[in-house]
Amino acid sequence: MTTTLAPPPDPAVPARRRARTRVGSRATPARAVPLLPAVCLLLVFLAGPIVWAVAGSLTDRALTGVSAAKPEFVGLDNFTRLFADPVLPLSVLLTVVFVVGSAIIGQNVLGMLLAVLFRAGSRVVAGTVGVIVVTAWVLPEIVAAFVSYAFLSADGTLNGVLSLVGIQGPNWLYSLPLLAIILANTWRGTAFSMMIYRAALDDVPPEVTESAMIDGAGTWKRLRFITLPMISGTIFTNLLLTTLQTLSVFTLIWVMTKGGPGDLSSTLPVFAYSQAFSFGDIGYGNAIAIVMLALGAVFSLAYVVSLRRRGGVG
């Protein structure tokens, strides 16, 4: 009887790759069964609306009239009309500024700052300020929108406080509408970033920072060269989440400015809503939604590529 021995592992093949090969060889279709409900939900609630929006953008579907009952296929006419619309470049620019100002800079920078300060401060102060910040996040968006409107309107709380010191404040919602919605969205969403970063900072090994402190590194150097690189994966993930959340903000802007005055705060969600429901052009509104989806894909791809280059993924 001849016994066949398995050949020794090739040293040129990394051990991790050999382990993945062994695990993959044992994989069976039965292992994928628990994933089927999640896949079905993704197909219904994610892929379904996207397919419907793409299909609707290729028709002249309207809210009322003949096109509402029997929409006709028009091909790329809605996109041709959209890219010739002078409002589109302005709306894309406003959306990018809104996302960068309120999500990337506002929520992430302020959230990180609060997380660092809470970690260094006393528990009483951190708990009190934390409750105040989180309260803004747990408010329904419509409530937060009305609170922001009352605070920044011409006769609002902010101008009332400024008048006590002899300063006549402007109508923020009319004079600086984009700044007003950036401040409102930053105020509402900072708590999410703060909690994410507080959890990430708690996972940083204290002995690492203590060693740096013994070597003479100050607070800023420890944060810049040790803490931030160690939580870079969390930072990029939070940037992606807050960016996608901010891209879809509609209620806050609609309640505060309705995209005005003129189109000076008409981000892509507001632009799509006004075209689809104020003017009844559903097909054209779907085309704008596809542009917004493409913009979100660009942001997501940029974050994923940056994270891979820093070694945070795969």
Protein backbone atom coordinates (compact mmCIF):
# COMPACT_ATOMS: atom_id res chain seq x y z
CA MET A 1 0.00 0.00 0.00
CA THR A 2 1.40 3.30 -1.10
CA THR A 3 0.80 6.38 1.03
CA THR A 4 0.78 9.70 -0.78
CA LEU A 5 2.08 12.54 1.30
CA ALA A 6 0.86 16.07 0.77
CA PRO A 7 3.52 18.35 -0.64
CA PRO A 8 5.03 20.79 1.81
CA PRO A 9 3.67 24.37 1.69
CA ASP A 10 5.38 26.65 -0.73
CA PRO A 11 7.41 29.17 1.32
CA ALA A 12 6.86 31.75 -1.43
CA VAL A 13 3.14 31.77 -0.67
CA PRO A 14 2.32 33.88 2.42
CA ALA A 15 0.75 32.03 5.35
CA ARG A 16 -2.24 34.40 5.32
CA ARG A 17 -3.03 33.54 1.71
CA ARG A 18 -2.76 29.80 2.43
CA ALA A 19 -5.13 30.22 5.38
CA ARG A 20 -7.65 32.06 3.22
CA THR A 21 -7.41 29.27 0.63
CA ARG A 22 -8.14 26.63 3.25
CA VAL A 23 -11.10 28.55 4.64
CA GLY A 24 -12.45 29.19 1.16
CA SER A 25 -12.14 25.52 0.22
CA ARG A 26 -14.39 24.59 3.13
CA ALA A 27 -17.01 27.16 2.19
CA THR A 28 -20.34 25.70 1.08
CA PRO A 29 -23.51 27.29 -0.28
CA ALA A 30 -25.17 26.58 3.05
CA ARG A 31 -22.93 29.17 4.70
CA ALA A 32 -24.49 31.88 2.54
CA VAL A 33 -28.07 31.07 3.60
CA PRO A 34 -28.06 33.39 6.68
CA LEU A 35 -27.06 36.26 4.39
CA LEU A 36 -30.06 35.88 2.08
CA PRO A 37 -32.48 38.02 4.17
CA ALA A 38 -29.95 40.87 4.30
CA VAL A 39 -29.32 40.59 0.56
CA CYS A 40 -33.06 40.64 -0.16
CA LEU A 41 -33.53 43.72 2.02
CA LEU A 42 -30.68 45.49 0.21
CA LEU A 43 -32.19 44.62 -3.16
CA VAL A 44 -35.65 45.85 -2.16
CA PHE A 45 -34.80 48.99 -0.20
CA LEU A 46 -31.52 50.08 -1.82
CA ALA A 47 -31.23 48.73 -5.32
CA GLY A 48 -34.98 49.00 -5.94
CA PRO A 49 -35.28 52.78 -5.46
CA ILE A 50 -32.08 53.37 -7.45
CA VAL A 51 -33.40 51.34 -10.38
CA TRP A 52 -36.76 53.14 -10.16
CA ALA A 53 -35.03 56.55 -10.13
CA VAL A 54 -32.86 55.67 -13.14
CA ALA A 55 -35.89 54.38 -15.04
CA GLY A 56 -37.93 57.46 -14.09
CA SER A 57 -35.18 59.80 -15.24
CA LEU A 58 -35.54 58.37 -18.75
CA THR A 59 -39.24 59.28 -18.98
CA ASP A 60 -41.35 62.44 -18.98
CA ARG A 61 -43.24 61.33 -15.86
CA ALA A 62 -45.06 64.23 -14.23
CA LEU A 63 -47.02 64.77 -11.04
CA THR A 64 -50.25 65.63 -12.85
CA GLY A 65 -51.64 65.51 -16.36
CA VAL A 66 -51.29 62.97 -19.15
CA SER A 67 -47.63 62.24 -18.32
CA ALA A 68 -48.64 61.21 -14.81
CA ALA A 69 -50.90 58.44 -16.10
CA LYS A 70 -48.95 57.45 -19.22
CA PRO A 71 -45.33 58.58 -19.05
CA GLU A 72 -43.35 58.23 -22.25
CA PHE A 73 -39.75 57.19 -22.73
CA VAL A 74 -37.61 60.22 -23.62
CA GLY A 75 -34.14 58.74 -23.33
CA LEU A 76 -31.47 61.18 -22.13
CA ASP A 77 -33.55 64.31 -22.75
CA ASN A 78 -33.86 65.05 -19.03
CA PHE A 79 -30.08 64.84 -18.58
CA THR A 80 -29.47 67.00 -21.66
CA ARG A 81 -31.83 69.59 -20.26
CA LEU A 82 -30.30 69.28 -16.79
CA PHE A 83 -26.70 69.81 -17.89
CA ALA A 84 -27.84 72.90 -19.81
CA ASP A 85 -29.62 74.26 -16.72
CA PRO A 86 -27.59 77.11 -15.14
CA VAL A 87 -28.92 76.15 -11.72
CA LEU A 88 -27.17 72.75 -11.75
CA PRO A 89 -23.55 74.03 -11.39
CA LEU A 90 -24.66 76.37 -8.62
CA SER A 91 -26.55 73.58 -6.86
CA VAL A 92 -23.58 71.20 -7.08
CA LEU A 93 -21.26 73.90 -5.73
CA LEU A 94 -23.63 74.70 -2.87
CA THR A 95 -23.93 71.01 -2.05
CA VAL A 96 -20.16 70.53 -1.96
CA VAL A 97 -19.66 73.65 0.20
CA PHE A 98 -22.47 72.55 2.51
CA VAL A 99 -20.97 69.07 2.91
CA VAL A 100 -17.41 70.31 3.39
CA GLY A 101 -18.44 73.11 5.75
CA SER A 102 -20.92 71.27 7.97
CA ALA A 103 -19.79 67.63 7.79
CA ILE A 104 -16.08 67.40 6.96
CA ILE A 105 -14.99 70.54 8.83
CA GLY A 106 -17.84 71.34 11.19
CA GLN A 107 -19.02 68.02 12.60
CA ASN A 108 -15.74 66.12 12.40
CA VAL A 109 -13.39 68.82 13.66
CA LEU A 110 -15.75 69.98 16.39
CA GLY A 111 -16.61 66.39 17.31
CA MET A 112 -12.92 65.49 17.62
CA LEU A 113 -12.22 68.62 19.66
CA LEU A 114 -15.06 67.86 22.07
CA ALA A 115 -13.98 64.23 22.37
CA VAL A 116 -10.41 65.24 23.24
CA LEU A 117 -11.55 67.90 25.72
CA PHE A 118 -14.03 65.55 27.40
CA ARG A 119 -11.33 62.93 27.82
CA ALA A 120 -9.04 65.44 29.49
CA GLY A 121 -11.71 67.29 31.50
CA SER A 122 -13.61 66.39 34.63
CA ARG A 123 -16.48 63.92 34.51
CA VAL A 124 -19.03 66.49 35.68
CA VAL A 125 -18.20 69.00 32.94
CA ALA A 126 -17.88 66.29 30.29
CA GLY A 127 -21.21 64.75 31.27
CA THR A 128 -23.06 68.07 31.34
CA VAL A 129 -21.74 69.34 28.02
CA GLY A 130 -22.15 65.88 26.50
CA VAL A 131 -25.85 65.79 27.39
CA ILE A 132 -26.35 69.24 25.85
CA VAL A 133 -24.59 68.26 22.63
CA VAL A 134 -26.38 64.91 22.33
CA THR A 135 -29.77 66.58 22.89
CA ALA A 136 -29.37 68.43 19.59
CA TRP A 137 -28.67 65.13 17.82
CA VAL A 138 -31.64 63.20 19.23
CA LEU A 139 -34.11 65.92 18.28
CA PRO A 140 -36.21 65.08 15.20
CA GLU A 141 -34.88 66.90 12.16
CA ILE A 142 -38.07 68.93 11.78
CA VAL A 143 -37.80 70.14 15.39
CA ALA A 144 -34.13 71.00 14.98
CA ALA A 145 -35.01 72.91 11.81
CA PHE A 146 -37.63 75.05 13.57
CA VAL A 147 -35.26 75.67 16.49
CA SER A 148 -32.55 76.79 14.05
CA TYR A 149 -35.01 79.01 12.22
CA ALA A 150 -36.09 80.65 15.48
CA PHE A 151 -32.47 81.17 16.48
CA LEU A 152 -31.21 82.68 13.19
CA SER A 153 -34.23 84.60 11.89
CA ALA A 154 -34.32 88.41 11.81
CA ASP A 155 -36.15 88.58 15.15
CA GLY A 156 -34.57 85.44 16.51
CA THR A 157 -32.59 84.60 19.59
CA LEU A 158 -29.17 85.37 18.12
CA ASN A 159 -30.07 88.89 17.06
CA GLY A 160 -31.81 89.41 20.38
CA VAL A 161 -28.60 88.57 22.23
CA LEU A 162 -26.54 90.77 19.90
CA SER A 163 -28.89 93.70 20.46
CA LEU A 164 -28.13 93.54 24.20
CA VAL A 165 -24.54 94.54 23.45
CA GLY A 166 -25.50 97.18 20.89
CA ILE A 167 -24.99 95.09 17.72
CA GLN A 168 -27.66 95.06 15.05
CA GLY A 169 -27.55 91.59 13.56
CA PRO A 170 -28.64 90.85 9.96
CA ASN A 171 -31.33 88.48 8.80
CA TRP A 172 -29.02 85.49 8.69
CA LEU A 173 -31.45 83.37 6.68
CA TYR A 174 -31.64 86.01 3.95
CA SER A 175 -28.19 87.61 3.97
CA LEU A 176 -26.10 84.48 4.64
CA PRO A 177 -28.39 81.50 3.96
CA LEU A 178 -25.63 78.99 3.21
CA LEU A 179 -23.73 79.89 6.38
CA ALA A 180 -26.97 79.62 8.37
CA ILE A 181 -27.73 76.06 7.22
CA ILE A 182 -24.07 75.04 7.68
CA LEU A 183 -24.17 76.23 11.30
CA ALA A 184 -27.51 74.54 11.91
CA ASN A 185 -26.39 71.20 10.48
CA THR A 186 -23.09 71.37 12.38
CA TRP A 187 -24.97 72.01 15.62
CA ARG A 188 -27.31 69.12 15.00
CA GLY A 189 -24.81 66.50 13.82
CA THR A 190 -21.70 67.10 15.95
CA ALA A 191 -22.83 64.72 18.69
CA PHE A 192 -22.57 61.71 16.36
CA SER A 193 -18.91 62.45 15.56
CA MET A 194 -18.17 63.24 19.19
CA MET A 195 -19.42 59.84 20.37
CA ILE A 196 -17.58 57.97 17.62
CA TYR A 197 -14.31 59.73 18.43
CA ARG A 198 -14.72 59.32 22.17
CA ALA A 199 -15.03 55.56 21.68
CA ALA A 200 -12.01 55.54 19.36
CA LEU A 201 -9.88 57.54 21.80
CA ASP A 202 -10.76 55.16 24.63
CA ASP A 203 -9.32 52.30 22.56
CA VAL A 204 -5.92 53.96 22.23
CA PRO A 205 -3.52 52.08 24.58
CA PRO A 206 -2.59 54.45 27.42
CA GLU A 207 0.94 53.05 27.65
CA VAL A 208 1.65 54.37 24.14
CA THR A 209 0.77 57.95 25.03
CA GLU A 210 2.52 57.61 28.39
CA SER A 211 5.72 56.53 26.64
CA ALA A 212 5.50 59.52 24.34
CA MET A 213 4.94 61.78 27.32
CA ILE A 214 8.04 60.38 29.03
CA ASP A 215 10.00 61.05 25.83
CA GLY A 216 8.97 64.71 26.06
CA ALA A 217 6.16 64.86 23.49
CA GLY A 218 3.62 67.57 24.27
CA THR A 219 -0.15 67.30 24.02
CA TRP A 220 -0.30 68.49 20.41
CA LYS A 221 2.51 66.19 19.24
CA ARG A 222 0.96 63.19 20.97
CA LEU A 223 -2.37 63.94 19.32
CA ARG A 224 -0.89 64.57 15.87
CA PHE A 225 1.74 61.84 15.63
CA ILE A 226 0.32 59.08 17.83
CA THR A 227 -3.41 59.35 18.54
CA LEU A 228 -4.71 60.51 15.16
CA PRO A 229 -2.70 57.96 13.10
CA MET A 230 -3.90 55.16 15.39
CA ILE A 231 -7.57 56.06 14.86
CA SER A 232 -7.25 57.03 11.19
CA GLY A 233 -9.56 54.19 10.17
CA THR A 234 -12.29 55.52 12.46
CA ILE A 235 -11.75 59.05 11.16
CA PHE A 236 -12.19 58.03 7.52
CA THR A 237 -15.22 55.88 8.34
CA ASN A 238 -16.85 58.75 10.24
CA LEU A 239 -16.04 61.16 7.40
CA LEU A 240 -17.80 58.82 4.99
CA LEU A 241 -20.87 58.43 7.21
CA THR A 242 -21.28 62.14 7.98
CA THR A 243 -20.71 63.06 4.33
CA LEU A 244 -23.42 60.72 3.09
CA GLN A 245 -25.79 61.86 5.84
CA THR A 246 -25.21 65.52 4.98
CA LEU A 247 -25.65 64.94 1.24
CA SER A 248 -29.22 63.86 1.90
CA VAL A 249 -30.19 66.67 4.29
CA PHE A 250 -33.45 68.18 3.07
CA THR A 251 -35.86 69.02 5.88
CA LEU A 252 -33.43 71.30 7.71
CA ILE A 253 -32.79 73.40 4.58
CA TRP A 254 -36.39 73.42 3.39
CA VAL A 255 -37.76 74.66 6.72
CA MET A 256 -35.07 77.30 7.18
CA THR A 257 -34.73 78.79 3.68
CA LYS A 258 -36.65 76.66 1.11
CA GLY A 259 -33.51 76.92 -1.00
CA GLY A 260 -33.65 80.70 -1.12
CA PRO A 261 -33.36 83.52 -1.41
CA GLY A 262 -33.43 82.72 -5.09
CA ASP A 263 -31.27 79.61 -5.41
CA LEU A 264 -28.56 80.64 -2.93
CA SER A 265 -29.16 77.66 -0.64
CA SER A 266 -30.66 75.25 -3.16
CA THR A 267 -28.59 72.11 -2.63
CA LEU A 268 -29.22 69.06 -4.82
CA PRO A 269 -31.92 67.51 -2.56
CA VAL A 270 -33.82 70.83 -2.47
CA PHE A 271 -33.34 71.33 -6.22
CA ALA A 272 -34.65 67.81 -6.94
CA TYR A 273 -37.65 68.23 -4.61
CA SER A 274 -38.64 71.62 -6.03
CA GLN A 275 -38.50 70.35 -9.61
CA ALA A 276 -40.31 67.10 -8.86
CA PHE A 277 -43.03 68.30 -6.49
CA SER A 278 -43.25 72.09 -6.76
CA PHE A 279 -43.18 72.06 -10.57
CA GLY A 280 -44.47 68.50 -10.97
CA ASP A 281 -41.66 67.26 -13.22
CA ILE A 282 -40.91 63.85 -11.71
CA GLY A 283 -38.62 62.70 -14.53
CA TYR A 284 -36.47 65.81 -14.27
CA GLY A 285 -36.33 65.48 -10.48
CA ASN A 286 -35.16 61.87 -10.87
CA ALA A 287 -32.36 63.05 -13.15
CA ILE A 288 -31.20 65.46 -10.45
CA ALA A 289 -31.35 62.62 -7.91
CA ILE A 290 -29.06 60.54 -10.14
CA VAL A 291 -26.54 63.40 -10.17
CA MET A 292 -26.73 63.53 -6.38
CA LEU A 293 -26.17 59.77 -6.24
CA ALA A 294 -23.11 60.13 -8.48
CA LEU A 295 -21.74 62.90 -6.23
CA GLY A 296 -22.13 60.64 -3.19
CA ALA A 297 -20.31 57.87 -5.06
CA VAL A 298 -17.43 60.25 -5.80
CA PHE A 299 -17.09 61.18 -2.11
CA SER A 300 -17.30 57.52 -1.08
CA LEU A 301 -14.69 56.42 -3.61
CA ALA A 302 -12.34 59.21 -2.53
CA TYR A 303 -12.59 58.13 1.12
CA VAL A 304 -12.13 54.43 0.35
CA VAL A 305 -9.09 55.07 -1.87
CA SER A 306 -7.54 57.35 0.75
CA LEU A 307 -8.15 54.79 3.48
CA ARG A 308 -6.60 51.98 1.42
CA ARG A 309 -3.51 54.08 0.76
CA ARG A 310 -3.09 54.65 4.48
CA GLY A 311 -3.39 50.92 5.10
CA GLY A 312 -6.71 51.11 6.93
CA VAL A 313 -8.56 48.67 4.68
CA GLY A 314 -7.53 45.25 3.49
